[in-house]
């Protein structure tokens, strides 16, 4: 940080750059992409730096395309990302970025990493490890996070491989 800069100045600069370099739709999309819990159009508008009517218009389009879901909350509609759509997007990206052999090698590597966590902590899951870790065990908590991430990435890689195999059978 340069002399005289404050975190507020830096945050304001980053916010202004984001606003200048993206469209209102892109900002609403990016905000919604990280929204797992239902959020009102006003909440999305505030985070996306757009007006509420603009956010509502873009959210409606995202619902129509299946990227977003709605849920009623009294008289308010809450919006959140569609987790199935996010998963399918991740699977598609993985299929485009890797070939079959790379995918199989990655699956083998991740399975090996998971076994190493199980052996290192004598636990069958990160959830079991979480129950046993002390709050001061920084390395254990870091490993727990990495274990969960590896398990999630393995599931996506396996789904991508299964999708490829199913696609081959449908086109044959």
N, C-alpha and C. Protein backbone atom coordinates (compact mmCIF):
# COMPACT_ATOMS: atom_id res chain seq x y z
N UNK A 1 0.84 -1.16 0.00
CA UNK A 1 0.00 0.00 0.00
C UNK A 1 0.90 1.24 0.00
N UNK A 2 0.61 2.19 -0.86
CA UNK A 2 1.40 3.41 -0.94
C UNK A 2 1.13 4.28 0.29
N UNK A 3 2.11 5.15 0.58
CA UNK A 3 1.93 6.07 1.71
C UNK A 3 0.67 6.89 1.51
N UNK A 4 -0.11 7.03 2.55
CA UNK A 4 -1.32 7.83 2.48
C UNK A 4 -2.55 7.07 2.01
N UNK A 5 -2.36 5.90 1.38
CA UNK A 5 -3.51 5.10 0.95
C UNK A 5 -4.14 4.44 2.16
N UNK A 6 -5.43 4.35 2.14
CA UNK A 6 -6.13 3.60 3.17
C UNK A 6 -6.85 2.45 2.51
N UNK A 7 -7.28 1.49 3.32
CA UNK A 7 -8.04 0.37 2.76
C UNK A 7 -9.30 0.88 2.08
N UNK A 8 -9.93 1.90 2.62
CA UNK A 8 -11.13 2.46 2.00
C UNK A 8 -10.82 3.01 0.62
N UNK A 9 -9.67 3.70 0.48
CA UNK A 9 -9.28 4.23 -0.82
C UNK A 9 -9.06 3.12 -1.83
N UNK A 10 -8.39 2.07 -1.39
CA UNK A 10 -8.10 0.93 -2.28
C UNK A 10 -9.40 0.23 -2.66
N UNK A 11 -10.27 -0.01 -1.68
CA UNK A 11 -11.55 -0.65 -1.98
C UNK A 11 -12.38 0.18 -2.95
N UNK A 12 -12.37 1.49 -2.74
CA UNK A 12 -13.12 2.36 -3.64
C UNK A 12 -12.55 2.30 -5.06
N UNK A 13 -11.24 2.27 -5.18
CA UNK A 13 -10.60 2.20 -6.49
C UNK A 13 -10.94 0.87 -7.18
N UNK A 14 -10.85 -0.23 -6.46
CA UNK A 14 -11.18 -1.54 -7.03
C UNK A 14 -12.65 -1.57 -7.46
N UNK A 15 -13.52 -1.02 -6.63
CA UNK A 15 -14.94 -0.97 -6.95
C UNK A 15 -15.18 -0.15 -8.21
N UNK A 16 -14.54 0.98 -8.30
CA UNK A 16 -14.70 1.84 -9.49
C UNK A 16 -14.18 1.15 -10.74
N UNK A 17 -13.06 0.44 -10.63
CA UNK A 17 -12.52 -0.30 -11.78
C UNK A 17 -13.49 -1.39 -12.21
N UNK A 18 -14.04 -2.12 -11.24
CA UNK A 18 -14.99 -3.18 -11.55
C UNK A 18 -16.20 -2.60 -12.27
N UNK A 19 -16.68 -1.50 -11.77
CA UNK A 19 -17.85 -0.85 -12.38
C UNK A 19 -17.54 -0.37 -13.79
N UNK A 20 -16.34 0.19 -14.01
CA UNK A 20 -15.96 0.72 -15.32
C UNK A 20 -15.71 -0.39 -16.34
N UNK A 21 -15.24 -1.55 -15.87
CA UNK A 21 -14.83 -2.62 -16.78
C UNK A 21 -15.90 -3.66 -17.04
N UNK A 22 -17.05 -3.54 -16.40
CA UNK A 22 -18.12 -4.54 -16.57
C UNK A 22 -19.45 -3.85 -16.85
N UNK A 23 -20.34 -4.62 -17.46
CA UNK A 23 -21.69 -4.11 -17.68
C UNK A 23 -22.53 -4.39 -16.45
N UNK A 24 -23.66 -3.70 -16.32
CA UNK A 24 -24.54 -4.02 -15.19
C UNK A 24 -24.95 -5.50 -15.17
N UNK A 25 -25.23 -6.09 -16.34
CA UNK A 25 -25.59 -7.51 -16.38
C UNK A 25 -24.45 -8.37 -15.84
N UNK A 26 -23.22 -8.09 -16.28
CA UNK A 26 -22.07 -8.88 -15.80
C UNK A 26 -21.93 -8.79 -14.29
N UNK A 27 -22.13 -7.61 -13.73
CA UNK A 27 -22.00 -7.46 -12.29
C UNK A 27 -23.10 -8.22 -11.55
N UNK A 28 -24.33 -8.14 -12.05
CA UNK A 28 -25.43 -8.90 -11.43
C UNK A 28 -25.12 -10.39 -11.51
N UNK A 29 -24.66 -10.85 -12.66
CA UNK A 29 -24.30 -12.26 -12.86
C UNK A 29 -23.21 -12.68 -11.87
N UNK A 30 -22.15 -11.86 -11.74
CA UNK A 30 -21.05 -12.20 -10.85
C UNK A 30 -21.50 -12.24 -9.39
N UNK A 31 -22.36 -11.31 -9.01
CA UNK A 31 -22.87 -11.32 -7.63
C UNK A 31 -23.71 -12.57 -7.41
N UNK A 32 -24.59 -12.87 -8.35
CA UNK A 32 -25.46 -14.02 -8.20
C UNK A 32 -24.67 -15.33 -8.20
N UNK A 33 -23.59 -15.36 -8.95
CA UNK A 33 -22.75 -16.56 -9.03
C UNK A 33 -22.21 -16.95 -7.65
N UNK A 34 -22.04 -15.99 -6.76
CA UNK A 34 -21.52 -16.27 -5.43
C UNK A 34 -22.63 -16.30 -4.38
N UNK A 35 -23.87 -16.24 -4.80
CA UNK A 35 -24.99 -16.18 -3.87
C UNK A 35 -25.61 -17.56 -3.70
N UNK A 36 -25.35 -18.18 -2.56
CA UNK A 36 -25.91 -19.50 -2.28
C UNK A 36 -27.20 -19.38 -1.50
N UNK A 37 -27.31 -18.36 -0.67
CA UNK A 37 -28.53 -18.12 0.10
C UNK A 37 -29.37 -17.12 -0.68
N UNK A 38 -30.68 -17.22 -0.53
CA UNK A 38 -31.56 -16.29 -1.21
C UNK A 38 -31.28 -14.84 -0.82
N UNK A 39 -31.24 -13.97 -1.83
CA UNK A 39 -30.99 -12.55 -1.63
C UNK A 39 -32.00 -11.75 -2.43
N UNK A 40 -32.48 -10.68 -1.86
CA UNK A 40 -33.47 -9.85 -2.55
C UNK A 40 -32.82 -9.12 -3.72
N UNK A 41 -33.65 -8.62 -4.63
CA UNK A 41 -33.15 -7.83 -5.76
C UNK A 41 -32.41 -6.60 -5.24
N UNK A 42 -32.91 -6.02 -4.15
CA UNK A 42 -32.25 -4.84 -3.57
C UNK A 42 -30.85 -5.21 -3.06
N UNK A 43 -30.72 -6.37 -2.44
CA UNK A 43 -29.42 -6.82 -1.95
C UNK A 43 -28.45 -7.06 -3.09
N UNK A 44 -28.94 -7.69 -4.17
CA UNK A 44 -28.09 -7.93 -5.34
C UNK A 44 -27.71 -6.59 -5.97
N UNK A 45 -28.67 -5.67 -6.07
CA UNK A 45 -28.42 -4.36 -6.67
C UNK A 45 -27.32 -3.62 -5.91
N UNK A 46 -27.39 -3.68 -4.59
CA UNK A 46 -26.40 -2.99 -3.76
C UNK A 46 -25.00 -3.56 -4.02
N UNK A 47 -24.88 -4.87 -4.04
CA UNK A 47 -23.57 -5.50 -4.25
C UNK A 47 -23.09 -5.34 -5.68
N UNK A 48 -24.02 -5.28 -6.65
CA UNK A 48 -23.65 -5.19 -8.07
C UNK A 48 -23.51 -3.75 -8.56
N UNK A 49 -23.76 -2.80 -7.67
CA UNK A 49 -23.63 -1.38 -8.01
C UNK A 49 -24.56 -0.98 -9.16
N UNK A 50 -25.80 -1.45 -9.08
CA UNK A 50 -26.83 -1.09 -10.06
C UNK A 50 -28.10 -0.69 -9.31
N UNK A 51 -29.05 -0.13 -10.05
CA UNK A 51 -30.33 0.20 -9.43
C UNK A 51 -31.13 -1.07 -9.20
N UNK A 52 -32.08 -1.00 -8.30
CA UNK A 52 -32.91 -2.18 -8.05
C UNK A 52 -33.71 -2.62 -9.28
N UNK A 53 -34.31 -1.69 -10.05
CA UNK A 53 -35.02 -2.13 -11.27
C UNK A 53 -34.09 -2.81 -12.27
N UNK A 54 -32.86 -2.32 -12.38
CA UNK A 54 -31.89 -2.94 -13.28
C UNK A 54 -31.54 -4.34 -12.80
N UNK A 55 -31.29 -4.47 -11.51
CA UNK A 55 -30.99 -5.80 -10.94
C UNK A 55 -32.16 -6.74 -11.17
N UNK A 56 -33.36 -6.28 -10.91
CA UNK A 56 -34.55 -7.12 -11.06
C UNK A 56 -34.69 -7.60 -12.51
N UNK A 57 -34.45 -6.70 -13.48
CA UNK A 57 -34.56 -7.06 -14.90
C UNK A 57 -33.53 -8.15 -15.26
N UNK A 58 -32.30 -7.96 -14.79
CA UNK A 58 -31.25 -8.94 -15.11
C UNK A 58 -31.47 -10.25 -14.35
N UNK A 59 -31.94 -10.17 -13.13
CA UNK A 59 -32.24 -11.38 -12.36
C UNK A 59 -33.34 -12.19 -13.04
N UNK A 60 -34.35 -11.50 -13.55
CA UNK A 60 -35.43 -12.19 -14.26
C UNK A 60 -34.87 -12.94 -15.47
N UNK A 61 -33.95 -12.30 -16.21
CA UNK A 61 -33.34 -12.97 -17.36
C UNK A 61 -32.53 -14.18 -16.92
N UNK A 62 -31.83 -14.07 -15.81
CA UNK A 62 -31.03 -15.19 -15.31
C UNK A 62 -31.91 -16.33 -14.82
N UNK A 63 -33.07 -16.03 -14.29
CA UNK A 63 -34.03 -17.06 -13.90
C UNK A 63 -34.54 -17.77 -15.15
N UNK A 64 -34.87 -16.99 -16.18
CA UNK A 64 -35.40 -17.57 -17.43
C UNK A 64 -34.40 -18.49 -18.10
N UNK A 65 -33.10 -18.20 -17.96
CA UNK A 65 -32.08 -19.06 -18.58
C UNK A 65 -31.72 -20.26 -17.70
N UNK A 66 -32.23 -20.28 -16.47
CA UNK A 66 -31.95 -21.39 -15.57
C UNK A 66 -30.74 -21.18 -14.70
N UNK A 67 -30.04 -20.06 -14.84
CA UNK A 67 -28.86 -19.82 -14.01
C UNK A 67 -29.25 -19.49 -12.58
N UNK A 68 -30.42 -18.88 -12.41
CA UNK A 68 -30.86 -18.47 -11.07
C UNK A 68 -32.18 -19.14 -10.73
N UNK A 69 -32.43 -19.19 -9.43
CA UNK A 69 -33.70 -19.71 -8.92
C UNK A 69 -34.31 -18.64 -8.02
N UNK A 70 -35.60 -18.74 -7.83
CA UNK A 70 -36.27 -17.82 -6.92
C UNK A 70 -36.93 -18.60 -5.81
N UNK A 71 -37.17 -17.89 -4.72
CA UNK A 71 -37.93 -18.47 -3.62
C UNK A 71 -38.69 -17.32 -2.97
N UNK A 72 -39.94 -17.55 -2.64
CA UNK A 72 -40.72 -16.49 -2.00
C UNK A 72 -40.29 -16.32 -0.54
N UNK A 73 -40.35 -15.09 -0.08
CA UNK A 73 -40.06 -14.78 1.32
C UNK A 73 -41.04 -13.68 1.72
N UNK A 74 -42.24 -14.10 2.05
CA UNK A 74 -43.29 -13.12 2.32
C UNK A 74 -43.67 -12.45 1.02
N UNK A 75 -43.58 -11.13 0.99
CA UNK A 75 -43.90 -10.40 -0.24
C UNK A 75 -42.68 -10.13 -1.09
N UNK A 76 -41.54 -10.63 -0.67
CA UNK A 76 -40.28 -10.42 -1.39
C UNK A 76 -39.89 -11.71 -2.11
N UNK A 77 -39.28 -11.55 -3.26
CA UNK A 77 -38.71 -12.69 -3.98
C UNK A 77 -37.21 -12.70 -3.72
N UNK A 78 -36.71 -13.85 -3.33
CA UNK A 78 -35.27 -14.01 -3.12
C UNK A 78 -34.67 -14.74 -4.30
N UNK A 79 -33.46 -14.37 -4.66
CA UNK A 79 -32.75 -14.96 -5.80
C UNK A 79 -31.48 -15.62 -5.30
N UNK A 80 -31.14 -16.74 -5.94
CA UNK A 80 -29.87 -17.40 -5.66
C UNK A 80 -29.47 -18.17 -6.91
N UNK A 81 -28.21 -18.52 -6.95
CA UNK A 81 -27.73 -19.27 -8.11
C UNK A 81 -28.37 -20.65 -8.12
N UNK A 82 -28.48 -21.22 -9.29
CA UNK A 82 -28.97 -22.58 -9.45
C UNK A 82 -27.74 -23.50 -9.38
N UNK A 83 -27.61 -24.22 -8.27
CA UNK A 83 -26.41 -25.03 -8.05
C UNK A 83 -26.24 -26.11 -9.12
N UNK A 84 -27.34 -26.65 -9.64
CA UNK A 84 -27.22 -27.65 -10.71
C UNK A 84 -26.61 -27.04 -11.96
N UNK A 85 -27.01 -25.82 -12.27
CA UNK A 85 -26.48 -25.13 -13.45
C UNK A 85 -24.99 -24.83 -13.25
N UNK A 86 -24.62 -24.42 -12.05
CA UNK A 86 -23.20 -24.15 -11.75
C UNK A 86 -22.39 -25.43 -11.91
N UNK A 87 -22.92 -26.53 -11.39
CA UNK A 87 -22.23 -27.81 -11.51
C UNK A 87 -22.06 -28.22 -12.97
N UNK A 88 -23.12 -28.10 -13.76
CA UNK A 88 -23.02 -28.47 -15.18
C UNK A 88 -22.02 -27.57 -15.91
N UNK A 89 -21.96 -26.31 -15.54
CA UNK A 89 -20.99 -25.40 -16.15
C UNK A 89 -19.57 -25.83 -15.79
N UNK A 90 -19.34 -26.21 -14.53
CA UNK A 90 -18.01 -26.68 -14.12
C UNK A 90 -17.63 -27.95 -14.86
N UNK A 91 -18.58 -28.86 -15.02
CA UNK A 91 -18.32 -30.11 -15.74
C UNK A 91 -17.97 -29.81 -17.19
N UNK A 92 -18.74 -28.94 -17.82
CA UNK A 92 -18.48 -28.58 -19.22
C UNK A 92 -17.11 -27.92 -19.37
N UNK A 93 -16.76 -27.02 -18.48
CA UNK A 93 -15.43 -26.37 -18.53
C UNK A 93 -14.32 -27.39 -18.40
N UNK A 94 -14.48 -28.33 -17.48
CA UNK A 94 -13.47 -29.37 -17.28
C UNK A 94 -13.33 -30.23 -18.53
N UNK A 95 -14.45 -30.58 -19.14
CA UNK A 95 -14.41 -31.40 -20.36
C UNK A 95 -13.72 -30.66 -21.50
N UNK A 96 -13.88 -29.34 -21.56
CA UNK A 96 -13.24 -28.55 -22.62
C UNK A 96 -11.75 -28.34 -22.37
N UNK A 97 -11.34 -28.30 -21.10
CA UNK A 97 -9.96 -28.00 -20.74
C UNK A 97 -9.06 -29.22 -20.68
N UNK A 98 -9.62 -30.41 -20.55
CA UNK A 98 -8.81 -31.62 -20.39
C UNK A 98 -9.28 -32.71 -21.34
N UNK A 99 -8.35 -33.57 -21.70
CA UNK A 99 -8.76 -34.72 -22.49
C UNK A 99 -9.02 -35.89 -21.54
N UNK A 100 -9.48 -36.99 -22.09
CA UNK A 100 -9.89 -38.14 -21.28
C UNK A 100 -8.75 -38.66 -20.40
N UNK A 101 -7.55 -38.78 -20.97
CA UNK A 101 -6.41 -39.30 -20.20
C UNK A 101 -6.05 -38.36 -19.05
N UNK A 102 -6.05 -37.06 -19.30
CA UNK A 102 -5.76 -36.10 -18.23
C UNK A 102 -6.80 -36.20 -17.11
N UNK A 103 -8.04 -36.39 -17.52
CA UNK A 103 -9.12 -36.52 -16.54
C UNK A 103 -8.93 -37.77 -15.68
N UNK A 104 -8.61 -38.89 -16.32
CA UNK A 104 -8.39 -40.14 -15.59
C UNK A 104 -7.18 -40.01 -14.66
N UNK A 105 -6.10 -39.39 -15.15
CA UNK A 105 -4.91 -39.18 -14.31
C UNK A 105 -5.25 -38.29 -13.11
N UNK A 106 -6.02 -37.24 -13.34
CA UNK A 106 -6.42 -36.35 -12.26
C UNK A 106 -7.28 -37.06 -11.22
N UNK A 107 -8.17 -37.92 -11.68
CA UNK A 107 -9.02 -38.70 -10.76
C UNK A 107 -8.15 -39.62 -9.91
N UNK A 108 -7.19 -40.30 -10.53
CA UNK A 108 -6.29 -41.17 -9.77
C UNK A 108 -5.50 -40.38 -8.72
N UNK A 109 -4.98 -39.22 -9.12
CA UNK A 109 -4.20 -38.39 -8.22
C UNK A 109 -5.05 -37.93 -7.03
N UNK A 110 -6.27 -37.47 -7.31
CA UNK A 110 -7.14 -37.00 -6.22
C UNK A 110 -7.54 -38.14 -5.28
N UNK A 111 -7.78 -39.32 -5.81
CA UNK A 111 -8.10 -40.48 -4.95
C UNK A 111 -6.92 -40.79 -4.04
N UNK A 112 -5.71 -40.69 -4.59
CA UNK A 112 -4.50 -40.92 -3.80
C UNK A 112 -4.40 -39.86 -2.68
N UNK A 113 -4.66 -38.61 -3.02
CA UNK A 113 -4.61 -37.54 -2.01
C UNK A 113 -5.63 -37.78 -0.90
N UNK A 114 -6.82 -38.23 -1.27
CA UNK A 114 -7.84 -38.49 -0.26
C UNK A 114 -7.41 -39.61 0.68
N UNK A 115 -6.81 -40.67 0.13
CA UNK A 115 -6.31 -41.76 0.97
C UNK A 115 -5.22 -41.27 1.91
N UNK A 116 -4.38 -40.35 1.42
CA UNK A 116 -3.32 -39.80 2.26
C UNK A 116 -3.90 -39.02 3.45
N UNK A 117 -4.96 -38.25 3.21
CA UNK A 117 -5.62 -37.54 4.32
C UNK A 117 -6.21 -38.54 5.32
N UNK A 118 -6.86 -39.57 4.80
CA UNK A 118 -7.45 -40.59 5.68
C UNK A 118 -6.38 -41.23 6.54
N UNK A 119 -5.24 -41.58 5.92
CA UNK A 119 -4.15 -42.22 6.66
C UNK A 119 -3.50 -41.26 7.65
N UNK A 120 -3.24 -40.03 7.21
CA UNK A 120 -2.56 -39.05 8.08
C UNK A 120 -3.37 -38.76 9.33
N UNK A 121 -4.69 -38.68 9.20
CA UNK A 121 -5.53 -38.30 10.34
C UNK A 121 -6.33 -39.46 10.92
N UNK A 122 -6.15 -40.65 10.34
CA UNK A 122 -6.90 -41.81 10.80
C UNK A 122 -8.40 -41.48 10.91
N UNK A 123 -8.90 -40.87 9.83
CA UNK A 123 -10.31 -40.46 9.77
C UNK A 123 -10.84 -40.84 8.39
N UNK A 124 -12.12 -41.12 8.31
CA UNK A 124 -12.70 -41.53 7.03
C UNK A 124 -13.27 -40.36 6.24
N UNK A 125 -13.36 -39.19 6.87
CA UNK A 125 -13.93 -38.04 6.17
C UNK A 125 -13.44 -36.74 6.82
N UNK A 126 -13.51 -35.64 6.08
CA UNK A 126 -13.15 -34.36 6.69
C UNK A 126 -14.11 -33.98 7.83
N UNK A 127 -15.34 -34.43 7.73
CA UNK A 127 -16.31 -34.14 8.80
C UNK A 127 -15.90 -34.83 10.11
N UNK A 128 -15.40 -36.06 10.00
CA UNK A 128 -14.91 -36.75 11.20
C UNK A 128 -13.71 -36.02 11.76
N UNK A 129 -12.81 -35.59 10.88
CA UNK A 129 -11.63 -34.86 11.33
C UNK A 129 -12.04 -33.56 12.02
N UNK A 130 -13.02 -32.86 11.50
CA UNK A 130 -13.47 -31.59 12.08
C UNK A 130 -13.92 -31.77 13.52
N UNK A 131 -14.55 -32.89 13.81
CA UNK A 131 -15.01 -33.15 15.18
C UNK A 131 -13.84 -33.39 16.14
N UNK A 132 -12.68 -33.80 15.60
CA UNK A 132 -11.55 -34.15 16.43
C UNK A 132 -10.49 -33.06 16.55
N UNK A 133 -10.48 -32.10 15.64
CA UNK A 133 -9.43 -31.07 15.65
C UNK A 133 -9.63 -30.07 16.77
N UNK A 134 -8.51 -29.63 17.33
CA UNK A 134 -8.58 -28.53 18.30
C UNK A 134 -8.58 -27.22 17.53
N UNK A 135 -9.09 -26.19 18.14
CA UNK A 135 -9.18 -24.90 17.46
C UNK A 135 -7.80 -24.31 17.16
N UNK A 136 -6.75 -24.76 17.84
CA UNK A 136 -5.40 -24.24 17.64
C UNK A 136 -4.64 -24.97 16.53
N UNK A 137 -5.18 -26.05 16.00
CA UNK A 137 -4.47 -26.87 15.01
C UNK A 137 -4.62 -26.26 13.61
N UNK A 138 -3.85 -25.22 13.33
CA UNK A 138 -3.95 -24.51 12.05
C UNK A 138 -3.66 -25.43 10.86
N UNK A 139 -2.64 -26.27 10.97
CA UNK A 139 -2.30 -27.18 9.87
C UNK A 139 -3.44 -28.17 9.63
N UNK A 140 -4.02 -28.68 10.70
CA UNK A 140 -5.14 -29.61 10.56
C UNK A 140 -6.33 -28.97 9.88
N UNK A 141 -6.63 -27.72 10.24
CA UNK A 141 -7.77 -27.03 9.62
C UNK A 141 -7.49 -26.72 8.15
N UNK A 142 -6.24 -26.40 7.83
CA UNK A 142 -5.87 -26.18 6.43
C UNK A 142 -6.01 -27.47 5.63
N UNK A 143 -5.55 -28.59 6.23
CA UNK A 143 -5.70 -29.88 5.56
C UNK A 143 -7.17 -30.25 5.40
N UNK A 144 -7.97 -29.95 6.40
CA UNK A 144 -9.40 -30.24 6.32
C UNK A 144 -10.03 -29.50 5.14
N UNK A 145 -9.68 -28.25 4.97
CA UNK A 145 -10.20 -27.46 3.85
C UNK A 145 -9.73 -28.05 2.51
N UNK A 146 -8.45 -28.40 2.44
CA UNK A 146 -7.91 -29.00 1.21
C UNK A 146 -8.56 -30.35 0.93
N UNK A 147 -8.82 -31.13 1.97
CA UNK A 147 -9.47 -32.43 1.84
C UNK A 147 -10.86 -32.25 1.24
N UNK A 148 -11.62 -31.32 1.78
CA UNK A 148 -12.97 -31.06 1.25
C UNK A 148 -12.93 -30.60 -0.21
N UNK A 149 -11.97 -29.72 -0.51
CA UNK A 149 -11.84 -29.23 -1.89
C UNK A 149 -11.48 -30.37 -2.83
N UNK A 150 -10.55 -31.21 -2.43
CA UNK A 150 -10.15 -32.35 -3.26
C UNK A 150 -11.32 -33.30 -3.47
N UNK A 151 -12.08 -33.54 -2.43
CA UNK A 151 -13.24 -34.43 -2.54
C UNK A 151 -14.27 -33.85 -3.52
N UNK A 152 -14.51 -32.54 -3.42
CA UNK A 152 -15.46 -31.88 -4.32
C UNK A 152 -14.94 -31.92 -5.77
N UNK A 153 -13.65 -31.62 -5.96
CA UNK A 153 -13.07 -31.65 -7.30
C UNK A 153 -13.10 -33.05 -7.90
N UNK A 154 -12.89 -34.06 -7.06
CA UNK A 154 -12.96 -35.45 -7.52
C UNK A 154 -14.38 -35.76 -8.03
N UNK A 155 -15.37 -35.34 -7.28
CA UNK A 155 -16.75 -35.60 -7.69
C UNK A 155 -17.05 -34.94 -9.04
N UNK A 156 -16.56 -33.73 -9.24
CA UNK A 156 -16.79 -33.03 -10.52
C UNK A 156 -16.04 -33.74 -11.64
N UNK A 157 -14.81 -34.15 -11.39
CA UNK A 157 -14.03 -34.86 -12.41
C UNK A 157 -14.68 -36.19 -12.77
N UNK A 158 -15.16 -36.91 -11.78
CA UNK A 158 -15.84 -38.18 -12.05
C UNK A 158 -17.13 -37.95 -12.84
N UNK A 159 -17.84 -36.88 -12.52
CA UNK A 159 -19.07 -36.56 -13.26
C UNK A 159 -18.73 -36.20 -14.71
N UNK A 160 -17.64 -35.47 -14.91
CA UNK A 160 -17.23 -35.11 -16.28
C UNK A 160 -16.87 -36.36 -17.07
N UNK A 161 -16.17 -37.29 -16.44
CA UNK A 161 -15.81 -38.54 -17.11
C UNK A 161 -17.06 -39.35 -17.43
N UNK A 162 -17.98 -39.45 -16.48
CA UNK A 162 -19.23 -40.18 -16.71
C UNK A 162 -20.04 -39.51 -17.82
N UNK A 163 -20.04 -38.20 -17.85
CA UNK A 163 -20.77 -37.47 -18.90
C UNK A 163 -20.17 -37.79 -20.27
N UNK A 164 -18.82 -37.80 -20.36
CA UNK A 164 -18.16 -38.15 -21.61
C UNK A 164 -18.53 -39.55 -22.06
N UNK A 165 -18.49 -40.49 -21.12
CA UNK A 165 -18.82 -41.88 -21.45
C UNK A 165 -20.27 -42.01 -21.90
N UNK A 166 -21.17 -41.33 -21.23
CA UNK A 166 -22.59 -41.36 -21.63
C UNK A 166 -22.77 -40.73 -23.00
N UNK A 167 -22.06 -39.65 -23.25
CA UNK A 167 -22.15 -38.98 -24.56
C UNK A 167 -21.69 -39.89 -25.68
N UNK A 168 -20.60 -40.62 -25.42
CA UNK A 168 -20.09 -41.56 -26.44
C UNK A 168 -21.12 -42.63 -26.77
N UNK A 169 -21.82 -43.13 -25.76
CA UNK A 169 -22.81 -44.19 -25.99
C UNK A 169 -24.03 -43.66 -26.71
N UNK A 170 -24.38 -42.42 -26.47
CA UNK A 170 -25.54 -41.84 -27.14
C UNK A 170 -25.29 -41.55 -28.60
N UNK A 171 -24.05 -41.25 -28.94
CA UNK A 171 -23.71 -40.91 -30.32
C UNK A 171 -23.27 -42.12 -31.12
N UNK A 172 -23.07 -43.25 -30.45
CA UNK A 172 -22.59 -44.46 -31.16
C UNK A 172 -23.74 -45.21 -31.76
